[in-house]
Amino acid sequence: MMSNSVIDEKLAKQYLDEWVNLSCATEITVGAGQILSEYNGTLELDGLTTLSFEAAESLSKHEGMISLEGLREISDATAESLSKGQGGLWLSGLKELSDAAAESLSNYQGELNLGLKALSDAAAEFLAKHQGGIYLGLTELSDAAAESLSKHHDFLALPDLTELSDAAVESLSKHRGPELQLGLTELSDKQAESLSKYQGELLVLDNLAKISDLAAEFLSKRKGSLSILDTMHGGLSDAAALSLSKLKGEINCEPAKVWFKSLGK
């Protein structure tokens, strides 16, 4: 079991040669970052609690995914360095992000996973320009930020957003990416009507416990697919289930009519 708290050049070389567990390390040197950037595969450095911009610059040369889930904050300089990478960047432990850092990360070439619980309107406007999928741990979102994120062109996941205003849902329904994931636990008929206009391939509403008859009728008019809880059957009336069966796309990865038959309604 590794006891080193710092990933240095020696440990990094050992990792390349025979793989060692780096999860206990809380810091990394610039030289080690340069060595690890040559690793062919996902770099899991989730133990790091601090990352200098120089070390981030070295790691940014890595062509695969980098997981840095232990970082709670990053400086603007570190964000700028990381933005030069590609392949996937996981920062799911982030508690805050400055507008300048968000602007830098928007230039990252690959999927972004940011564990932020809140996002400023300016940061949302920057991240909307990101040319890759975005996963955000937000628990709140302003109407203005929702309007900005609706202009994003790739996968957008907001699984922890359990509540949204009607205006925010209306904005997000205009999202230009292929998949939209929302953590709503309740869906009003008005919100369902808005989401029925979402033109992406997949709409994910996996946190809903029930869908009203009218909301189901609205959602059935979508031209794409839908993902809902498999255990929602008790939250769907026969009329609502029948409406959803008319969806032209899939429900939970199977044709809507096949899904309907599996309910036994």
Protein backbone atom coordinates (compact mmCIF):
# COMPACT_ATOMS: atom_id res chain seq x y z
CA MET A 1 0.00 0.00 0.00
CA MET A 2 1.41 3.35 -1.01
CA SER A 3 2.21 5.74 1.84
CA ASN A 4 3.73 8.56 -0.21
CA SER A 5 1.87 11.85 0.13
CA VAL A 6 3.67 13.35 -2.87
CA ILE A 7 3.87 11.91 -6.36
CA ASP A 8 7.47 12.57 -7.40
CA GLU A 9 9.41 11.54 -10.51
CA LYS A 10 10.45 8.19 -9.03
CA LEU A 11 6.90 7.22 -8.15
CA ALA A 12 5.58 8.41 -11.51
CA LYS A 13 8.11 6.24 -13.37
CA GLN A 14 7.12 3.29 -11.21
CA TYR A 15 3.50 3.92 -12.14
CA LEU A 16 4.34 3.74 -15.83
CA ASP A 17 6.38 0.56 -15.42
CA GLU A 18 4.19 -1.53 -13.15
CA TRP A 19 1.24 0.58 -11.95
CA VAL A 20 1.00 1.60 -8.31
CA ASN A 21 -1.86 3.06 -6.34
CA LEU A 22 -1.58 6.86 -6.34
CA SER A 23 -4.83 7.54 -4.47
CA CYS A 24 -3.09 8.38 -1.17
CA ALA A 25 -0.97 11.15 -2.68
CA THR A 26 -2.20 14.67 -2.03
CA GLU A 27 0.42 16.54 -4.10
CA ILE A 28 2.31 16.05 -7.35
CA THR A 29 5.55 17.56 -8.63
CA VAL A 30 5.92 19.19 -12.03
CA GLY A 31 8.37 16.51 -13.15
CA ALA A 32 6.00 13.73 -12.12
CA GLY A 33 3.23 15.40 -14.10
CA GLN A 34 5.42 15.40 -17.19
CA ILE A 35 6.11 11.69 -16.79
CA LEU A 36 2.48 10.74 -16.11
CA SER A 37 1.34 12.73 -19.15
CA GLU A 38 2.82 9.90 -21.24
CA TYR A 39 0.57 7.30 -19.61
CA ASN A 40 -1.71 5.49 -22.05
CA GLY A 41 -5.05 5.41 -20.28
CA THR A 42 -7.09 7.17 -17.61
CA LEU A 43 -5.08 9.00 -14.97
CA GLU A 44 -6.80 8.61 -11.61
CA LEU A 45 -5.30 11.20 -9.29
CA ASP A 46 -8.28 11.57 -6.99
CA GLY A 47 -6.18 11.93 -3.85
CA LEU A 48 -4.68 15.25 -4.91
CA THR A 49 -5.98 18.12 -2.82
CA THR A 50 -3.75 20.76 -4.37
CA LEU A 51 -2.46 21.25 -7.90
CA SER A 52 -0.07 23.98 -9.00
CA PHE A 53 -0.52 25.54 -12.41
CA GLU A 54 2.92 24.23 -13.40
CA ALA A 55 1.96 20.64 -12.56
CA ALA A 56 -1.40 21.14 -14.30
CA GLU A 57 0.46 22.36 -17.38
CA SER A 58 2.45 19.12 -17.40
CA LEU A 59 -0.65 16.94 -16.93
CA SER A 60 -2.50 18.80 -19.69
CA LYS A 61 -0.26 17.06 -22.21
CA HIS A 62 -1.92 13.75 -21.32
CA GLU A 63 -4.17 12.63 -24.20
CA GLY A 64 -6.64 10.63 -22.13
CA MET A 65 -9.06 11.23 -19.31
CA ILE A 66 -7.81 12.75 -16.04
CA SER A 67 -9.74 12.35 -12.80
CA LEU A 68 -9.00 14.90 -10.07
CA GLU A 69 -11.98 14.36 -7.81
CA GLY A 70 -10.11 15.35 -4.65
CA LEU A 71 -9.66 18.98 -5.67
CA ARG A 72 -12.12 21.29 -3.92
CA GLU A 73 -10.90 24.44 -5.65
CA ILE A 74 -8.50 25.42 -8.39
CA SER A 75 -6.81 28.72 -9.15
CA ASP A 76 -7.47 30.61 -12.35
CA ALA A 77 -3.93 29.76 -13.49
CA THR A 78 -4.45 26.04 -12.83
CA ALA A 79 -7.75 26.11 -14.74
CA GLU A 80 -6.03 27.77 -17.68
CA SER A 81 -3.33 25.08 -17.67
CA LEU A 82 -5.85 22.23 -17.47
CA SER A 83 -7.90 23.74 -20.29
CA LYS A 84 -5.13 22.85 -22.73
CA GLY A 85 -5.82 19.13 -22.31
CA GLN A 86 -8.17 16.73 -24.03
CA GLY A 87 -9.87 13.39 -23.43
CA GLY A 88 -12.05 14.11 -20.40
CA LEU A 89 -11.56 16.09 -17.20
CA TRP A 90 -13.28 15.07 -13.97
CA LEU A 91 -13.38 17.69 -11.23
CA SER A 92 -16.45 16.39 -9.44
CA GLY A 93 -15.17 17.54 -6.04
CA LEU A 94 -15.07 21.24 -6.95
CA LYS A 95 -17.01 23.44 -4.56
CA GLU A 96 -16.47 26.74 -6.37
CA LEU A 97 -15.21 28.07 -9.66
CA SER A 98 -14.40 31.65 -10.59
CA ASP A 99 -15.75 33.18 -13.77
CA ALA A 100 -12.21 33.39 -15.15
CA ALA A 101 -11.63 29.69 -14.44
CA ALA A 102 -14.94 28.81 -16.12
CA GLU A 103 -13.91 30.79 -19.18
CA SER A 104 -10.65 28.86 -19.36
CA LEU A 105 -12.25 25.44 -18.88
CA SER A 106 -14.76 26.20 -21.62
CA ASN A 107 -11.84 25.77 -24.03
CA TYR A 108 -11.09 22.22 -22.84
CA GLN A 109 -11.29 19.64 -25.64
CA GLY A 110 -13.34 16.85 -24.11
CA GLU A 111 -16.02 16.06 -21.55
CA LEU A 112 -16.13 18.18 -18.38
CA ASN A 113 -17.41 16.91 -15.05
CA LEU A 114 -17.68 19.74 -12.53
CA GLY A 115 -19.13 19.05 -9.09
CA LEU A 116 -20.27 22.62 -8.54
CA LYS A 117 -23.44 23.15 -6.52
CA ALA A 118 -23.91 26.70 -7.79
CA LEU A 119 -22.85 28.58 -10.89
CA SER A 120 -22.79 32.29 -11.59
CA ASP A 121 -24.63 33.62 -14.62
CA ALA A 122 -21.31 34.69 -16.16
CA ALA A 123 -19.74 31.26 -15.62
CA ALA A 124 -22.77 29.58 -17.22
CA GLU A 125 -22.40 31.81 -20.25
CA PHE A 126 -18.76 30.78 -20.61
CA LEU A 127 -19.39 27.05 -20.12
CA ALA A 128 -22.18 27.13 -22.72
CA LYS A 129 -19.46 27.68 -25.31
CA HIS A 130 -17.70 24.42 -24.37
CA GLN A 131 -17.39 22.08 -27.33
CA GLY A 132 -17.99 18.86 -25.41
CA GLY A 133 -20.29 17.19 -22.93
CA ILE A 134 -20.84 18.84 -19.54
CA TYR A 135 -21.86 17.21 -16.27
CA LEU A 136 -22.66 19.69 -13.49
CA GLY A 137 -23.54 18.89 -9.87
CA LEU A 138 -25.70 22.01 -9.53
CA THR A 139 -28.49 22.08 -6.97
CA GLU A 140 -29.71 25.51 -8.09
CA LEU A 141 -29.78 27.35 -11.38
CA SER A 142 -30.96 30.85 -12.19
CA ASP A 143 -33.20 31.57 -15.15
CA ALA A 144 -30.40 33.56 -16.77
CA ALA A 145 -27.92 30.70 -16.36
CA ALA A 146 -30.46 28.25 -17.80
CA GLU A 147 -30.89 30.51 -20.80
CA SER A 148 -27.12 30.50 -21.35
CA LEU A 149 -26.73 26.73 -20.96
CA SER A 150 -29.54 26.19 -23.49
CA LYS A 151 -27.07 27.37 -26.15
CA HIS A 152 -24.67 24.53 -25.38
CA HIS A 153 -24.24 22.11 -28.30
CA ASP A 154 -23.37 18.81 -26.59
CA PHE A 155 -24.46 16.45 -23.81
CA LEU A 156 -25.70 18.38 -20.76
CA ALA A 157 -26.30 16.59 -17.46
CA LEU A 158 -27.86 18.36 -14.46
CA PRO A 159 -28.87 15.30 -12.38
CA ASP A 160 -28.91 17.06 -8.99
CA LEU A 161 -31.27 19.85 -10.03
CA THR A 162 -34.45 18.67 -8.34
CA GLU A 163 -36.30 21.94 -8.83
CA LEU A 164 -36.40 24.45 -11.66
CA SER A 165 -38.62 27.39 -12.48
CA ASP A 166 -40.95 27.11 -15.46
CA ALA A 167 -38.85 29.74 -17.22
CA ALA A 168 -35.65 27.75 -16.66
CA VAL A 169 -37.23 24.55 -18.01
CA GLU A 170 -38.53 26.44 -21.02
CA SER A 171 -35.02 27.71 -21.71
CA LEU A 172 -33.38 24.31 -21.25
CA SER A 173 -35.92 22.74 -23.60
CA LYS A 174 -34.18 24.74 -26.32
CA HIS A 175 -30.87 23.04 -25.53
CA ARG A 176 -29.06 22.26 -28.76
CA GLY A 177 -27.22 19.12 -27.67
CA PRO A 178 -28.13 15.45 -28.28
CA GLU A 179 -28.93 14.67 -24.63
CA LEU A 180 -30.42 16.59 -21.72
CA GLN A 181 -30.50 15.13 -18.22
CA LEU A 182 -32.51 16.81 -15.47
CA GLY A 183 -32.91 15.73 -11.84
CA LEU A 184 -36.45 17.06 -11.41
CA THR A 185 -38.47 15.18 -8.79
CA GLU A 186 -41.72 16.79 -9.91
CA LEU A 187 -42.82 17.89 -13.37
CA SER A 188 -45.64 20.35 -13.91
CA ASP A 189 -47.82 20.13 -16.99
CA LYS A 190 -46.39 23.44 -18.16
CA GLN A 191 -42.84 22.13 -17.82
CA ALA A 192 -43.76 18.95 -19.67
CA GLU A 193 -45.19 21.04 -22.49
CA SER A 194 -41.89 22.91 -22.70
CA LEU A 195 -39.79 19.73 -22.66
CA SER A 196 -41.94 18.21 -25.39
CA LYS A 197 -40.24 20.71 -27.70
CA TYR A 198 -36.74 19.52 -26.84
CA GLN A 199 -35.25 18.32 -30.13
CA GLY A 200 -32.30 16.31 -28.81
CA GLU A 201 -32.10 12.54 -29.16
CA LEU A 202 -32.56 11.71 -25.46
CA LEU A 203 -34.36 13.39 -22.57
CA VAL A 204 -33.47 11.92 -19.15
CA LEU A 205 -35.93 12.43 -16.28
CA ASP A 206 -34.85 9.57 -14.01
CA ASN A 207 -35.81 11.26 -10.72
CA LEU A 208 -39.52 11.64 -11.39
CA ALA A 209 -41.81 9.56 -9.18
CA LYS A 210 -44.92 10.27 -11.23
CA ILE A 211 -46.13 11.92 -14.43
CA SER A 212 -49.62 13.34 -14.80
CA ASP A 213 -51.89 12.33 -17.68
CA LEU A 214 -51.53 15.72 -19.36
CA ALA A 215 -47.75 15.82 -18.84
CA ALA A 216 -47.47 12.35 -20.40
CA GLU A 217 -49.51 13.50 -23.36
CA PHE A 218 -47.17 16.44 -23.88
CA LEU A 219 -44.03 14.29 -23.56
CA SER A 220 -45.40 11.75 -26.03
CA LYS A 221 -45.17 14.38 -28.76
CA ARG A 222 -41.38 14.43 -28.52
CA LYS A 223 -39.57 13.13 -31.59
CA GLY A 224 -36.71 11.68 -29.54
CA SER A 225 -36.30 9.10 -26.79
CA LEU A 226 -37.09 9.27 -23.09
CA SER A 227 -35.51 7.80 -19.96
CA ILE A 228 -37.61 7.51 -16.79
CA LEU A 229 -37.48 5.40 -13.64
CA ASP A 230 -38.24 1.72 -14.23
CA THR A 231 -40.01 1.75 -10.87
CA MET A 232 -42.30 4.62 -11.87
CA HIS A 233 -45.08 2.28 -12.95
CA GLY A 234 -47.08 3.14 -9.85
CA GLY A 235 -46.77 6.82 -10.71
CA LEU A 236 -48.32 6.38 -14.15
CA SER A 237 -52.03 6.00 -14.75
CA ASP A 238 -53.18 3.75 -17.57
CA ALA A 239 -53.96 6.87 -19.59
CA ALA A 240 -50.50 8.35 -19.00
CA ALA A 241 -48.76 5.10 -19.93
CA LEU A 242 -50.88 4.80 -23.07
CA SER A 243 -49.97 8.34 -24.08
CA LEU A 244 -46.25 7.65 -23.61
CA SER A 245 -46.54 4.49 -25.72
CA LYS A 246 -47.21 6.77 -28.70
CA LEU A 247 -43.74 8.31 -28.40
CA LYS A 248 -41.90 7.92 -31.70
CA GLY A 249 -38.60 7.24 -29.97
CA GLU A 250 -37.58 4.78 -27.27
CA ILE A 251 -38.41 4.67 -23.57
CA ASN A 252 -35.66 3.21 -21.40
CA CYS A 253 -33.80 1.86 -24.43
CA GLU A 254 -36.69 -0.03 -26.00
CA PRO A 255 -39.44 0.95 -28.45
CA ALA A 256 -42.20 2.83 -26.67
CA LYS A 257 -44.83 0.23 -27.55
CA VAL A 258 -42.62 -2.58 -26.24
CA TRP A 259 -42.07 -0.60 -23.04
CA PHE A 260 -45.85 -0.17 -22.69
CA LYS A 261 -46.47 -3.90 -23.03
CA SER A 262 -43.87 -4.61 -20.35
CA LEU A 263 -45.98 -2.62 -17.88
CA GLY A 264 -48.80 -5.11 -18.14
CA LYS A 265 -51.37 -2.34 -18.19
